[in-house]
Protein backbone atom coordinates (compact mmCIF):
# COMPACT_ATOMS: atom_id res chain seq x y z
CA MET A 1 -95.43 38.22 -5.29
CA ASN A 2 -96.98 38.50 -8.44
CA ILE A 3 -100.98 38.53 -8.76
CA SER A 4 -102.12 36.05 -11.56
CA ILE A 5 -104.51 38.23 -13.67
CA SER A 6 -104.65 38.10 -17.56
CA PRO A 7 -102.85 40.98 -19.76
CA SER A 8 -106.50 41.85 -21.07
CA ALA A 9 -108.17 42.07 -17.60
CA ASN A 10 -104.93 43.88 -16.33
CA LYS A 11 -105.43 46.29 -19.16
CA SER A 12 -109.41 46.73 -18.54
CA ALA A 13 -108.72 47.22 -14.85
CA LEU A 14 -105.88 49.90 -15.63
CA LYS A 15 -108.16 51.99 -17.77
CA SER A 16 -111.23 52.05 -15.60
CA HIS A 17 -109.18 52.77 -12.60
CA ALA A 18 -107.69 55.68 -14.64
CA TRP A 19 -110.95 57.00 -15.72
CA LEU A 20 -112.76 56.60 -12.30
CA GLY A 21 -109.93 58.55 -10.64
CA LEU A 22 -110.42 61.21 -13.43
CA ALA A 23 -114.03 61.56 -13.15
CA VAL A 24 -113.96 62.17 -9.37
CA SER A 25 -110.65 63.55 -9.16
CA VAL A 26 -111.23 67.00 -7.39
CA LEU A 27 -114.38 65.98 -5.30
CA MET A 28 -112.23 63.06 -4.00
CA TYR A 29 -109.22 65.51 -2.94
CA TRP A 30 -111.53 67.72 -1.08
CA VAL A 31 -113.18 65.01 0.80
CA CYS A 32 -109.86 63.13 1.59
CA PHE A 33 -108.17 66.34 2.74
CA SER A 34 -110.92 67.95 4.58
CA GLY A 35 -111.45 64.37 5.95
CA THR A 36 -108.02 64.42 7.14
CA LEU A 37 -108.55 67.64 9.20
CA SER A 38 -111.77 66.54 10.28
CA VAL A 39 -109.87 63.61 12.39
CA PHE A 40 -108.84 66.67 14.54
CA SER A 41 -112.23 68.54 14.83
CA GLN A 42 -112.27 68.34 18.62
CA GLU A 43 -108.88 69.77 18.89
CA LEU A 44 -109.77 72.47 16.36
CA LEU A 45 -112.91 73.15 18.32
CA ARG A 46 -110.97 74.21 21.52
CA TRP A 47 -108.43 76.04 19.13
CA GLU A 48 -111.12 78.03 17.98
CA GLN A 49 -112.32 79.22 21.57
CA PRO A 50 -109.09 78.73 23.83
CA HIS A 51 -110.82 81.25 26.26
CA ILE A 52 -113.54 78.82 27.08
CA ALA A 53 -111.70 76.78 30.07
CA ASP A 54 -111.30 73.01 29.91
CA ASN A 55 -113.12 71.57 32.36
CA LEU A 56 -114.46 68.02 33.47
CA ASN A 57 -116.05 69.06 36.92
CA TYR A 58 -119.56 69.06 36.01
CA THR A 59 -122.05 67.67 38.13
CA PRO A 60 -125.59 66.52 37.39
CA ASN A 61 -127.07 69.82 39.17
CA SER A 62 -125.00 71.89 37.13
CA ILE A 63 -126.33 70.61 33.73
CA GLN A 64 -129.71 70.84 35.24
CA THR A 65 -129.28 74.42 36.00
CA ALA A 66 -127.98 75.00 32.30
CA TYR A 67 -130.81 73.23 30.98
CA GLU A 68 -133.44 75.32 33.17
CA HIS A 69 -131.47 78.43 32.11
CA PHE A 70 -131.71 77.70 28.25
CA LEU A 71 -135.20 76.87 28.87
CA ALA A 72 -136.04 79.99 30.21
CA MET A 73 -134.17 81.98 27.66
CA LYS A 74 -136.25 80.10 24.89
CA ASP A 75 -139.55 80.97 27.09
CA GLY A 76 -140.10 77.54 27.57
CA GLN A 77 -140.37 76.38 24.13
CA THR A 78 -138.37 74.72 21.49
CA GLN A 79 -139.03 73.43 17.91
CA GLY A 80 -136.93 70.68 17.96
CA ASN A 81 -135.25 68.44 20.58
CA ILE A 82 -132.65 69.74 23.38
CA VAL A 83 -129.25 68.19 22.97
CA ILE A 84 -126.88 68.69 26.08
CA ARG A 85 -122.99 67.81 25.15
CA LEU A 86 -121.40 66.46 28.50
CA PRO A 87 -117.58 67.38 28.94
CA THR A 88 -115.29 64.18 27.91
CA HIS A 89 -111.39 63.71 27.75
CA ASP A 90 -111.77 64.11 24.17
CA LEU A 91 -113.67 67.09 24.24
CA PRO A 92 -113.90 68.52 27.96
CA ARG A 93 -116.30 71.17 27.56
CA ALA A 94 -120.09 71.19 28.04
CA GLY A 95 -122.72 72.63 25.57
CA ILE A 96 -126.34 72.90 25.00
CA SER A 97 -128.17 73.40 21.79
CA ALA A 98 -131.55 73.75 20.05
CA ASP A 99 -133.08 75.56 17.12
CA GLY A 100 -129.71 76.16 15.31
CA GLU A 101 -128.58 77.84 19.03
CA ARG A 102 -125.41 76.36 20.64
CA TRP A 103 -124.09 77.75 24.14
CA ASN A 104 -121.48 76.74 26.15
CA ILE A 105 -121.95 75.64 29.73
CA SER A 106 -119.83 77.08 32.51
CA PRO A 107 -118.99 74.29 35.22
CA THR A 108 -121.21 76.13 37.93
CA GLY A 109 -124.08 75.86 35.01
CA GLU A 110 -124.30 79.20 33.51
CA LEU A 111 -124.23 79.76 29.85
CA SER A 112 -121.16 81.34 29.36
CA GLU A 113 -121.29 82.23 25.70
CA PRO A 114 -122.62 80.94 22.51
CA SER A 115 -120.41 78.27 20.83
CA SER A 116 -119.18 79.65 17.71
CA THR A 117 -116.63 77.46 15.50
CA PRO A 118 -117.20 78.72 11.79
CA ILE A 119 -113.49 77.38 10.92
CA THR A 120 -114.03 74.01 12.25
CA ASP A 121 -117.73 74.19 10.63
CA LEU A 122 -116.12 74.91 7.06
CA ILE A 123 -113.66 72.08 7.28
CA VAL A 124 -116.22 69.37 8.65
CA ASP A 125 -118.88 70.57 6.15
CA LEU A 126 -116.92 70.07 3.01
CA HIS A 127 -116.07 66.68 4.07
CA VAL A 128 -119.69 65.75 5.25
CA ALA A 129 -121.50 67.25 2.42
CA LEU A 130 -119.45 69.35 0.18
CA HIS A 131 -120.87 72.42 1.36
CA LEU A 132 -123.95 71.55 -0.28
CA PRO A 133 -127.76 71.02 0.98
CA GLU A 134 -126.94 68.03 3.47
CA ASP A 135 -129.56 65.41 2.18
CA ILE A 136 -127.70 65.83 -1.39
CA GLY A 137 -124.23 66.39 -0.13
CA MET A 138 -123.92 63.50 1.87
CA ILE A 139 -125.38 61.03 -0.84
CA ILE A 140 -122.49 62.43 -3.00
CA VAL A 141 -119.83 61.74 -0.62
CA SER A 142 -121.23 58.48 0.09
CA MET A 143 -121.11 57.72 -3.58
CA LEU A 144 -117.45 58.80 -3.58
CA GLY A 145 -117.01 56.33 -0.60
CA ALA A 146 -118.14 53.61 -3.07
CA ILE A 147 -116.20 55.05 -6.12
CA LEU A 148 -113.19 54.65 -3.46
CA SER A 149 -113.70 51.24 -3.10
CA ALA A 150 -113.83 50.49 -6.65
CA LEU A 151 -110.61 52.54 -7.00
CA ILE A 152 -108.78 50.42 -4.48
CA ILE A 153 -110.00 47.22 -5.99
CA SER A 154 -109.11 47.99 -9.46
CA GLY A 155 -105.93 49.53 -8.58
CA ILE A 156 -104.74 45.99 -7.05
CA ILE A 157 -105.97 44.31 -10.33
CA ALA A 158 -104.22 46.78 -12.54
CA HIS A 159 -100.96 46.72 -11.10
CA ARG A 160 -99.80 42.95 -10.89
CA ARG A 161 -96.34 43.77 -9.25
CA ILE A 162 -98.11 45.99 -6.58
CA PHE A 163 -97.21 43.79 -3.68
CA LYS A 164 -93.57 42.78 -4.87
CA ASP A 165 -92.51 46.10 -5.31
CA ALA A 166 -93.98 47.25 -2.06
CA PHE A 167 -90.70 48.57 -0.73
CA ARG A 168 -89.69 50.12 -4.00
CA LEU A 169 -89.49 54.16 -3.85
CA ARG A 170 -87.60 55.69 -6.72
CA THR A 171 -86.72 59.59 -5.85
CA GLY A 172 -84.48 60.58 -8.35
CA ASN A 173 -84.92 63.27 -11.13
CA ASN A 174 -87.54 61.37 -12.99
CA GLU A 175 -90.73 62.85 -11.43
CA GLN A 176 -93.23 60.29 -13.06
CA LEU A 177 -91.31 57.38 -11.57
CA THR A 178 -91.37 58.93 -8.24
CA GLN A 179 -94.87 59.77 -8.37
CA GLY A 180 -95.86 56.13 -9.26
CA ASP A 181 -93.97 54.77 -6.73
CA LEU A 182 -95.30 57.02 -4.02
CA HIS A 183 -99.01 56.54 -5.45
CA ASN A 184 -98.44 52.59 -5.46
CA ARG A 185 -96.40 52.22 -2.29
CA MET A 186 -98.86 54.42 -0.34
CA SER A 187 -101.84 52.54 -1.96
CA VAL A 188 -100.47 49.07 -0.88
CA TRP A 189 -99.58 49.79 2.95
CA GLY A 190 -102.79 51.45 3.40
CA ILE A 191 -105.22 49.14 1.71
CA PRO A 192 -107.16 47.64 4.94
CA PHE A 193 -107.33 51.35 6.18
CA HIS A 194 -108.58 52.91 2.84
CA LEU A 195 -111.10 50.15 2.24
CA MET A 196 -112.40 50.86 5.94
CA ILE A 197 -112.87 54.26 5.32
CA ALA A 198 -114.55 54.13 1.68
CA LEU A 199 -116.94 51.62 3.19
CA THR A 200 -117.88 53.31 6.21
CA GLY A 201 -118.00 56.56 4.17
CA VAL A 202 -120.59 54.94 2.02
CA TYR A 203 -122.87 54.27 4.80
CA PHE A 204 -123.32 57.68 5.94
CA GLY A 205 -125.08 58.96 3.20
CA LEU A 206 -126.73 55.84 1.61
CA ALA A 207 -128.08 54.56 4.85
CA SER A 208 -131.66 55.87 4.35
CA PHE A 209 -131.57 53.91 0.46
CA LEU A 210 -130.41 50.71 2.50
CA THR A 211 -133.06 50.94 4.96
CA ALA A 212 -135.96 51.01 2.23
CA ILE A 213 -134.26 48.05 0.70
CA TYR A 214 -133.96 46.09 3.94
CA ALA A 215 -137.10 46.82 4.82
CA ASP A 216 -138.75 45.73 1.55
CA THR A 217 -137.11 42.70 1.56
CA LEU A 218 -137.04 41.66 5.27
CA TYR A 219 -139.94 43.32 6.74
CA GLU A 220 -142.42 43.36 4.17
CA GLY A 221 -142.17 47.00 3.51
CA LYS A 222 -142.82 47.86 7.16
CA GLU A 223 -139.70 50.36 7.83
CA LEU A 224 -140.87 51.08 11.45
CA ASP A 225 -140.42 47.33 12.32
CA LEU A 226 -136.82 47.56 10.97
CA PHE A 227 -136.19 50.81 12.98
CA ALA A 228 -137.15 49.14 16.10
CA ASP A 229 -134.70 46.47 15.69
CA ILE A 230 -132.09 48.90 14.66
CA TYR A 231 -132.70 51.93 17.03
CA GLY A 232 -135.06 50.40 19.57
CA ALA A 233 -138.97 50.64 19.64
CA SER A 234 -140.49 53.98 20.25
CA ILE A 235 -141.65 54.58 23.60
CA GLN A 236 -145.01 56.57 24.53
CA VAL A 237 -145.11 58.75 27.61
CA GLU A 238 -147.83 61.19 28.53
CA HIS A 239 -148.56 64.09 31.44
CA GLN A 240 -144.92 64.71 31.67
CA PRO A 241 -143.57 67.61 33.62
CA ALA A 242 -142.72 70.92 31.64
CA ILE A 243 -139.06 70.74 33.08
CA ALA A 244 -137.37 67.35 32.66
CA ASN A 245 -135.31 66.02 35.61
CA ILE A 246 -131.91 65.56 33.96
CA ALA A 247 -130.09 65.66 37.23
CA LYS A 248 -131.97 62.85 38.47
CA ALA A 249 -131.27 60.72 35.27
CA LEU A 250 -127.81 61.49 35.12
CA THR A 251 -127.18 60.41 38.97
CA GLU A 252 -129.39 57.25 37.90
CA ILE A 253 -127.10 56.02 35.18
CA LYS A 254 -123.96 56.75 37.29
CA LYS A 255 -125.59 54.29 39.77
CA MET A 256 -126.74 51.65 36.78
CA GLU A 257 -123.60 51.96 35.02
CA PRO A 258 -120.63 52.94 36.90
CA ASN A 259 -118.03 52.09 34.40
CA THR A 260 -119.56 53.88 31.55
CA GLN A 261 -118.93 57.59 30.31
CA PRO A 262 -122.00 59.71 29.77
CA ILE A 263 -121.36 61.91 26.49
CA PHE A 264 -125.09 63.41 25.97
CA VAL A 265 -128.23 64.10 26.78
CA THR A 266 -131.25 64.70 24.50
CA LEU A 267 -134.73 65.99 25.58
CA GLU A 268 -136.96 64.17 22.55
CA ASN A 269 -139.98 65.82 22.21
CA ALA A 270 -138.87 68.90 24.25
CA THR A 271 -141.04 70.71 26.17
CA LYS A 272 -143.99 68.82 24.80
CA ASP A 273 -146.24 66.76 27.18
CA ASN A 274 -144.87 63.45 25.76
CA GLN A 275 -141.20 64.74 26.10
CA TYR A 276 -138.64 62.04 27.65
CA ILE A 277 -134.93 61.62 28.20
CA LEU A 278 -132.50 59.86 25.80
CA LEU A 279 -129.31 59.61 27.65
CA GLY A 280 -126.03 58.42 25.79
CA SER A 281 -123.27 56.67 27.69
CA GLN A 282 -120.37 55.40 26.19
CA HIS A 283 -118.97 51.85 27.03
CA LEU A 284 -115.09 52.51 26.75
CA ASP A 285 -114.79 48.58 25.88
CA LYS A 286 -116.60 48.91 22.95
CA LEU A 287 -116.57 50.68 19.59
CA ILE A 288 -120.22 51.81 19.52
CA TYR A 289 -120.52 55.27 19.71
CA SER A 290 -123.04 55.05 22.74
CA GLU A 291 -125.63 53.06 24.50
CA GLN A 292 -128.92 54.79 24.94
CA TYR A 293 -130.58 54.75 28.24
CA ARG A 294 -134.34 56.22 28.16
CA PHE A 295 -135.75 57.84 31.17
CA ASP A 296 -139.19 59.72 31.26
CA ALA A 297 -139.08 63.52 32.23
CA HIS A 298 -139.46 62.97 35.85
CA GLY A 299 -135.69 61.06 35.75
CA GLN A 300 -137.51 57.58 36.15
CA TYR A 301 -135.62 54.97 34.14
CA ILE A 302 -137.47 52.99 31.65
CA ASP A 303 -135.20 51.03 29.16
CA LYS A 304 -132.01 50.93 27.22
CA VAL A 305 -132.05 50.43 23.40
CA GLY A 306 -129.53 47.80 23.42
CA TYR A 307 -126.25 48.46 21.18
CA SER A 308 -124.17 47.51 23.68
CA ASP A 309 -125.23 43.98 23.91
CA GLY A 310 -127.43 43.68 20.81
CA GLU A 311 -126.97 41.82 17.54
CA ALA A 312 -123.16 41.97 15.92
CA GLY A 313 -124.96 44.21 13.14
CA GLN A 314 -126.62 46.57 15.18
CA GLN A 315 -123.29 47.08 17.19
CA ALA A 316 -121.69 47.36 13.83
CA ILE A 317 -123.83 50.19 12.65
CA PHE A 318 -123.24 52.33 15.78
CA SER A 319 -119.62 51.86 15.59
CA VAL A 320 -119.32 53.55 12.05
CA TYR A 321 -118.81 56.99 13.37
CA ARG A 322 -115.98 56.07 15.76
CA LEU A 323 -114.26 53.78 13.07
CA HIS A 324 -114.50 56.22 10.35
CA PHE A 325 -113.12 59.24 12.25
CA GLY A 326 -110.60 57.39 14.45
CA HIS A 327 -112.12 58.83 17.69
CA PHE A 328 -111.45 55.84 19.75
CA GLY A 329 -108.52 54.56 21.81
CA PRO A 330 -105.50 56.75 22.91
CA GLU A 331 -104.50 60.05 21.15
CA ALA A 332 -102.18 58.21 19.23
CA MET A 333 -105.14 56.77 17.38
CA LYS A 334 -106.00 59.96 16.14
CA ILE A 335 -102.69 60.86 14.93
CA PHE A 336 -102.51 57.49 13.23
CA PHE A 337 -105.64 58.30 11.33
CA GLY A 338 -104.76 61.75 10.49
CA LEU A 339 -101.57 60.28 8.95
CA MET A 340 -103.31 57.65 6.99
CA GLY A 341 -105.87 60.21 5.98
CA PHE A 342 -103.11 62.16 4.53
CA ALA A 343 -101.52 59.31 2.96
CA LEU A 344 -104.64 58.52 0.96
CA THR A 345 -104.87 62.43 -0.05
CA ILE A 346 -101.57 61.95 -1.47
CA ILE A 347 -102.78 59.31 -3.32
CA SER A 348 -105.57 61.02 -4.69
CA VAL A 349 -103.24 63.55 -5.91
CA THR A 350 -100.41 61.62 -7.38
CA GLY A 351 -102.91 59.45 -9.25
CA ILE A 352 -104.00 62.54 -11.12
CA ASN A 353 -100.40 63.92 -11.49
CA LEU A 354 -99.31 60.42 -13.35
CA TRP A 355 -101.98 61.00 -15.49
CA LEU A 356 -100.96 64.29 -16.38
CA ALA A 357 -97.52 63.47 -16.72
CA LYS A 358 -98.19 60.75 -19.21
CA ARG A 359 -99.78 63.27 -21.90
CA SER A 360 -97.39 64.81 -24.22
CA ARG A 361 -98.45 68.36 -23.36
CA GLN A 362 -98.91 70.89 -20.55
CA ASP A 363 -101.94 73.18 -20.82
CA ALA A 364 -104.83 74.56 -18.68
CA LEU A 365 -105.53 71.08 -17.08
CA ASN A 366 -102.26 71.13 -15.67
CA GLN A 367 -102.59 74.69 -13.99
CA LEU A 368 -106.00 73.63 -12.74
CA TRP A 369 -105.07 70.83 -11.17
CA LEU A 370 -102.14 72.84 -9.21
CA GLY A 371 -104.82 75.23 -8.54
CA PHE A 372 -107.14 72.87 -7.02
CA VAL A 373 -104.36 70.91 -5.04
CA TRP A 374 -102.64 73.82 -3.40
CA GLY A 375 -105.56 76.44 -3.67
CA THR A 376 -107.45 74.14 -1.34
CA PRO A 377 -105.24 74.44 1.97
CA ILE A 378 -104.49 78.15 1.13
CA ALA A 379 -108.39 79.15 0.68
CA PHE A 380 -109.01 77.21 3.91
CA ILE A 381 -106.36 79.48 5.47
CA CYS A 382 -107.66 82.65 4.10
CA ALA A 383 -111.10 82.07 5.43
CA ALA A 384 -109.60 81.33 8.78
CA LEU A 385 -107.64 84.39 8.76
CA LEU A 386 -110.65 86.61 7.90
CA GLU A 387 -112.69 85.00 10.25
CA LEU A 388 -110.27 85.42 13.17
CA THR A 389 -109.71 89.24 12.36
CA PHE A 390 -112.84 90.46 10.92
CA ALA A 391 -115.49 87.79 11.81
CA LEU A 392 -116.22 87.16 7.82
CA PRO A 393 -118.15 84.13 7.09
CA THR A 394 -115.91 81.36 6.14
CA LYS A 395 -117.68 79.66 3.61
CA PRO A 396 -118.10 82.61 1.07
CA ILE A 397 -114.37 83.52 1.68
CA PHE A 398 -113.13 79.93 0.88
CA TRP A 399 -115.15 79.68 -2.53
CA LEU A 400 -113.91 83.24 -3.45
CA ILE A 401 -110.56 82.76 -2.68
CA LEU A 402 -110.30 79.13 -4.41
CA VAL A 403 -111.82 80.47 -7.59
CA ALA A 404 -109.58 83.78 -7.57
CA ILE A 405 -106.85 81.07 -6.96
CA LEU A 406 -108.03 79.09 -10.12
CA ILE A 407 -108.32 82.17 -12.46
CA GLY A 408 -104.65 83.20 -11.21
CA SER A 409 -103.61 79.45 -12.36
CA LEU A 410 -104.74 79.97 -15.50
CA MET A 411 -103.43 83.23 -16.32
CA GLN A 412 -99.86 82.11 -15.34
CA LYS A 413 -98.47 80.25 -18.02
CA VAL A 414 -95.47 78.68 -16.89
CA LEU A 415 -96.20 75.79 -14.92
CA MET A 416 -93.09 75.69 -12.49
CA LYS A 417 -93.82 79.26 -11.83
CA THR A 418 -97.41 78.45 -10.70
CA HIS A 419 -96.31 75.52 -8.35
CA LEU A 420 -93.65 77.66 -6.63
CA ILE A 421 -96.10 80.55 -5.99
CA LEU A 422 -98.70 78.62 -4.70
CA LEU A 423 -96.11 76.68 -2.54
CA ASN A 424 -94.72 79.95 -1.21
CA CYS A 425 -98.08 81.51 -0.39
CA LEU A 426 -99.07 78.38 1.62
CA ALA A 427 -96.03 78.22 3.61
CA THR A 428 -96.32 81.97 4.37
CA LEU A 429 -100.01 81.80 5.28
CA LEU A 430 -99.49 78.77 7.61
CA ILE A 431 -96.89 81.19 9.63
CA VAL A 432 -99.18 84.01 9.56
CA LEU A 433 -102.28 82.00 10.78
CA ALA A 434 -100.25 80.58 13.87
CA ILE A 435 -99.10 84.10 14.79
CA THR A 436 -102.64 85.60 14.03
CA HIS A 437 -104.20 83.00 16.38
CA PHE A 438 -101.64 83.69 18.97
CA THR A 439 -102.07 87.51 18.90
CA VAL A 440 -105.68 87.27 18.62
CA HIS A 441 -106.36 84.94 21.54
CA TYR A 442 -103.29 85.65 23.90
CA PRO A 443 -103.12 85.41 26.71
CA ASN A 444 -105.92 82.42 26.30
CA VAL A 445 -104.23 80.87 23.93
CA LEU A 446 -101.44 79.94 26.47
CA VAL A 447 -102.86 76.14 26.69
CA LEU A 448 -101.50 72.94 25.41
CA ASN A 449 -104.05 72.16 22.63
CA SER A 450 -103.69 75.85 21.06
CA LEU A 451 -99.95 75.87 21.29
CA VAL A 452 -99.58 72.03 19.78
CA ILE A 453 -101.76 73.24 17.01
CA ASP A 454 -100.11 76.64 16.10
CA ALA A 455 -96.84 75.03 16.63
CA ALA A 456 -98.14 72.35 13.74
CA PHE A 457 -98.98 75.02 11.62
CA ILE A 458 -95.17 76.24 11.65
CA ILE A 459 -93.91 72.62 11.19
CA PHE A 460 -96.09 72.23 8.31
CA ALA A 461 -94.76 75.52 6.76
CA LEU A 462 -91.45 74.38 7.23
CA CYS A 463 -92.33 71.33 5.34
CA VAL A 464 -93.91 72.92 2.47
CA TRP A 465 -90.66 75.21 2.30
CA ARG A 466 -88.46 72.13 2.13
CA TYR A 467 -90.90 70.63 -0.62
CA ARG A 468 -90.67 73.89 -2.39
CA TYR A 469 -86.72 73.79 -2.43
CA SER A 470 -86.90 70.31 -3.78
CA ARG A 471 -89.34 71.31 -6.56
CA ILE A 472 -86.49 74.17 -7.51
CA ARG A 473 -83.77 71.71 -7.42
CA LYS A 474 -85.32 69.21 -9.85
CA GLY A 475 -86.43 72.09 -12.09
CA TRP A 476 -82.67 73.00 -12.17
CA ASN A 477 -81.46 69.46 -12.73
CA SER A 478 -84.17 68.75 -15.32
């Protein structure tokens, strides 16, 4: 099957595809790689604190007890909302947070200890906002989603035989042909997934801009009316008790919606005279993140926002998060999203590899690109190791290690040697990370989630060593 496109359009599309990819190469790689890991953020949260026992046996009264203990610890006052994360099968542990503090909740309702997950936060924050201030970072990441959409479309136009060659993969000693086939094959088979990821990624950071446009065009500039249609009309309550009756609200939702899974409780306007309870409960037969049920502070039901049975557009908006990260369906869905995210990462890398291979020379750009590609996971692991052993802050360590790797790559003049050194470092560090985590957290590490993740690190190390061997063999044969 050939796509009927004129040669001039094909040439223009190929040029725009190349320049777009080059312009955002490093940022796109960071977002794709960290996004792949972020699919498993819930598992990584549990891996970081394996001594916090997984437990689904929480009662409304234990949640109420935890809330009251937290409130007492805060002297009855908070500056923002109080959010309680209820245990689910995806993340079978409860937590409470406000004013930048997060605490784990034991099944009996005690505040067991602060929730500290700096390694997972390092990964997720790079994906969401590139470690920049959130407002700026999310906009840049959303723009990358728009650029990824353009890259996918221009890539289809630029490669007229892209579908005809869908099963073609040459793995000989011609590195350029291998990289090209790998890039194109993964692109073809992942088109629906990659477009979905790109478009849902656009939404997160640009929602505020889209809201302003829709309000101007459809609501005569009245943003509050638009918010009411999307997020539900605001409610007004007054003379509410200082301590909300969360237990009653949780008991009521089980009676009202027995086939849903409560996942969070938010105290809106917490500790104020007009506070009320926002209870999110997940409809397991829908993609929406949750329906939101509203109760006054006495625990009396007021209404629901209507995401579960609202307009199609409203339901689509509140399905974006689960669609983007694959947090729906069985565990196999997460694995699928992880594999497809890894494929998108490979596509972003091989695209630049192809451009570099077509040049008639090797220079600092080649060395820097190797440093970025292999230095990023190395820097992640170093930050994780230093946090596990010395509780050092992850983000400064990550960037210091990455900069050091880039400087070292520039100082090394032989490209093949740089490549092999970085691969050897990555494989070794993956093994060290698994052993260190096991040692630091023993015997609490003897749970399925932690054992699977540590085993995965060892398997990845073996894959990297296998890849390193193939690089050596091709180097000898070339």
